[in-house]
Protein backbone atom coordinates (compact mmCIF):
# COMPACT_ATOMS: atom_id res chain seq x y z
CA MET A 1 82.35 103.97 147.58
CA THR A 2 84.87 106.74 147.03
CA LYS A 3 87.07 106.79 143.95
CA LYS A 4 90.20 106.15 146.06
CA ARG A 5 88.64 103.14 147.84
CA GLY A 6 87.50 101.76 144.48
CA LYS A 7 91.03 102.09 143.09
CA LEU A 8 92.53 100.32 146.11
CA LYS A 9 89.97 97.52 145.84
CA ARG A 10 90.75 97.11 142.11
CA ARG A 11 94.49 97.00 142.81
CA LYS A 12 94.07 94.45 145.59
CA LYS A 13 91.94 92.18 143.37
CA LEU A 14 94.40 92.49 140.48
CA ARG A 15 97.35 91.71 142.75
CA LYS A 16 95.65 88.60 144.17
CA ALA A 17 94.74 87.42 140.67
CA TYR A 18 98.36 88.00 139.57
CA PHE A 19 99.79 85.93 142.43
CA ASP A 20 97.28 83.16 141.67
CA LEU A 21 97.90 83.16 137.89
CA HIS A 22 101.69 83.15 138.25
CA ASN A 23 101.56 80.65 141.12
CA LEU A 24 103.64 82.93 143.36
CA ASP A 25 104.06 82.61 147.12
CA VAL A 26 102.99 85.89 148.75
CA GLU A 27 104.87 85.09 151.96
CA LYS A 28 108.12 84.24 150.19
CA ILE A 29 108.14 87.32 147.95
CA GLY A 30 106.95 89.78 150.58
CA VAL A 31 103.95 91.66 149.26
CA GLU A 32 105.16 94.94 150.79
CA LEU A 33 108.36 94.77 148.70
CA VAL A 34 106.71 94.57 145.28
CA GLU A 35 104.29 96.53 143.10
CA LEU A 36 102.32 95.73 139.99
CA HIS A 37 103.47 97.62 136.92
CA HIS A 38 101.43 98.18 133.76
CA ILE A 39 103.69 97.48 130.77
CA VAL A 40 101.51 99.76 128.64
CA GLU A 41 100.69 102.45 131.20
CA PHE A 42 97.25 102.68 132.76
CA ASN A 43 96.76 106.22 131.42
CA GLU A 44 96.12 104.55 128.02
CA PHE A 45 92.79 103.40 129.47
CA TYR A 46 90.90 106.01 127.44
CA ARG A 47 92.19 104.38 124.22
CA LEU A 48 92.38 100.74 125.29
CA GLY A 49 89.58 100.41 127.83
CA ARG A 50 89.65 97.38 130.10
CA PHE A 51 92.42 95.74 128.02
CA VAL A 52 95.05 97.90 129.73
CA ASP A 53 94.11 96.64 133.20
CA GLU A 54 94.24 92.93 132.42
CA LEU A 55 96.75 90.40 133.76
CA GLY A 56 98.53 90.22 130.40
CA ASN A 57 99.63 93.83 130.82
CA VAL A 58 101.06 93.73 134.33
CA ILE A 59 104.24 92.43 135.86
CA LEU A 60 105.25 92.33 139.51
CA LEU A 61 108.34 94.46 140.12
CA LYS A 62 110.54 94.97 143.12
CA LYS A 63 109.21 98.20 144.65
CA ASP A 64 112.47 100.18 144.57
CA PHE A 65 113.05 99.23 140.93
CA HIS A 66 109.47 100.18 140.08
CA VAL A 67 109.90 103.64 141.58
CA THR A 68 113.34 104.41 140.15
CA GLY A 69 113.15 102.50 136.90
CA THR A 70 109.67 102.73 135.43
CA VAL A 71 107.22 105.15 137.02
CA GLN A 72 109.08 108.41 136.56
CA ASP A 73 107.25 108.93 133.25
CA LYS A 74 103.54 108.14 133.55
CA ASN A 75 103.20 108.00 129.74
CA LYS A 76 105.71 105.21 129.18
CA LYS A 77 104.75 102.27 127.06
CA TYR A 78 107.11 99.35 126.71
CA GLU A 79 107.61 96.62 124.21
CA LEU A 80 108.20 93.47 126.18
CA GLY A 81 110.96 91.03 125.29
CA VAL A 82 112.90 88.22 126.89
CA ASN A 83 116.51 87.08 126.56
CA ASP A 84 117.35 83.69 125.02
CA ASP A 85 117.73 81.78 128.28
CA GLN A 86 114.61 83.41 129.79
CA THR A 87 116.43 84.86 132.79
CA LYS A 88 115.57 88.49 131.98
CA LEU A 89 112.54 90.41 130.82
CA ILE A 90 113.47 93.33 128.60
CA LEU A 91 111.38 96.50 128.45
CA THR A 92 112.11 98.80 125.51
CA ASP A 93 110.46 102.19 125.14
CA LYS A 94 109.77 104.10 121.90
CA SER A 95 113.18 105.85 122.18
CA ASN A 96 114.94 102.45 122.42
CA ASN A 97 115.80 102.91 126.08
CA VAL A 98 116.10 99.45 127.58
CA LEU A 99 115.38 98.14 131.07
CA GLU A 100 116.54 94.61 131.86
CA LEU A 101 114.71 92.88 134.68
CA THR A 102 116.17 89.76 136.26
CA ILE A 103 113.41 87.19 136.72
CA GLY A 104 113.11 86.17 140.36
CA LYS A 105 114.96 89.28 141.56
CA ASP A 106 113.62 92.44 139.86
CA VAL A 107 110.45 90.89 138.45
CA HIS A 108 108.33 87.94 139.60
CA ILE A 109 106.57 85.92 136.90
CA ASN A 110 105.81 82.35 135.98
CA LYS A 111 108.16 81.69 133.05
CA GLU A 112 105.53 79.46 131.45
CA LEU A 113 103.42 82.60 130.93
CA ILE A 114 106.09 84.51 128.98
CA PRO A 115 104.53 83.69 125.56
CA TYR A 116 101.17 84.97 126.83
CA LEU A 117 102.72 88.20 128.15
CA LEU A 118 104.63 88.80 124.89
CA SER A 119 101.53 88.17 122.80
CA TYR A 120 99.31 90.41 124.93
CA ASN A 121 101.90 93.19 124.84
CA GLN A 122 102.01 93.05 121.02
CA PHE A 123 98.20 93.12 120.92
CA LEU A 124 98.08 96.31 123.03
CA LEU A 125 100.89 98.02 121.12
CA ARG A 126 99.12 97.34 117.81
CA LYS A 127 95.90 98.82 119.21
CA ILE A 128 97.65 102.11 120.01
CA GLY A 129 99.58 102.21 116.71
CA TRP A 130 103.05 101.58 118.18
């Protein structure tokens, strides 16, 4: 299997697992309109190993927001937060730049999994000495 085919297969499996874990309806969301985003970027794999490519480190973003808002810098790492009424996920980078993601519009998650996502994000950030 070529490296590119292996990467596509990994992405497809991760995406299916994400939809299953978050109990999301693929048809309703429109799989072609969204992309998985690593909160702590995948290029940290050399330091974090498989931990960086786990479900606790990915969120499903609206594709146009993913392209314009998060992937311009491949080295970005974000601290994950949530507002008080759990309507927005908040991504803060090391320079205190903030991205607010409206749940159900910009980002698709199961709100019951927010504590897990926050905890996993803190785990990864500690491992890289954030």
